[in-house]
Amino acid sequence: MEFLLLFLFLLALAAAAAAGLGADTRDSADWKPTADGRRWRSGTC
């Protein structure tokens, strides 16, 4: 029974994603370049 509930939950998530009901909450800070895990800073400042 638990497997069926898990499967239905995952199926509902997949259907919602296919319908475009998800939202990307990331901002531009998530995409800033890094060098060895540290944020890259330009030399202009």
Protein backbone atom coordinates (compact mmCIF):
# COMPACT_ATOMS: atom_id res chain seq x y z
CA MET A 1 0.00 0.00 0.00
CA GLU A 2 2.82 2.39 0.82
CA PHE A 3 4.37 1.71 -2.58
CA LEU A 4 1.12 2.62 -4.29
CA LEU A 5 0.87 5.89 -2.36
CA LEU A 6 4.47 6.76 -3.17
CA PHE A 7 3.90 5.96 -6.83
CA LEU A 8 0.76 8.11 -6.95
CA PHE A 9 2.59 10.98 -5.24
CA LEU A 10 5.45 10.80 -7.73
CA LEU A 11 2.97 10.57 -10.58
CA ALA A 12 1.20 13.70 -9.31
CA LEU A 13 4.53 15.54 -9.10
CA ALA A 14 5.42 14.50 -12.64
CA ALA A 15 2.02 15.63 -13.92
CA ALA A 16 2.37 19.00 -12.18
CA ALA A 17 5.85 19.47 -13.64
CA ALA A 18 4.60 18.54 -17.12
CA ALA A 19 1.76 21.05 -16.76
CA GLY A 20 4.25 23.80 -15.88
CA LEU A 21 3.00 24.32 -12.34
CA GLY A 22 6.51 24.45 -10.87
CA ALA A 23 8.36 27.68 -10.15
CA ASP A 24 12.07 28.38 -10.34
CA THR A 25 12.85 30.33 -7.19
CA ARG A 26 16.56 30.71 -7.82
CA ASP A 27 17.92 34.18 -8.38
CA SER A 28 20.99 35.29 -10.31
CA ALA A 29 23.22 34.64 -7.28
CA ASP A 30 22.90 30.91 -7.96
CA TRP A 31 24.54 31.32 -11.35
CA LYS A 32 27.52 33.53 -10.52
CA PRO A 33 30.83 32.02 -11.63
CA THR A 34 33.12 30.44 -9.07
CA ALA A 35 36.81 29.61 -8.93
CA ASP A 36 37.58 26.57 -6.76
CA GLY A 37 34.26 27.03 -4.96
CA ARG A 38 34.83 30.70 -4.21
CA ARG A 39 32.83 33.47 -5.83
CA TRP A 40 34.59 35.05 -8.78
CA ARG A 41 35.07 38.79 -8.51
CA SER A 42 36.05 41.04 -11.35
CA GLY A 43 39.20 43.11 -10.95
CA THR A 44 37.42 46.38 -11.78
CA CYS A 45 36.48 47.24 -8.18
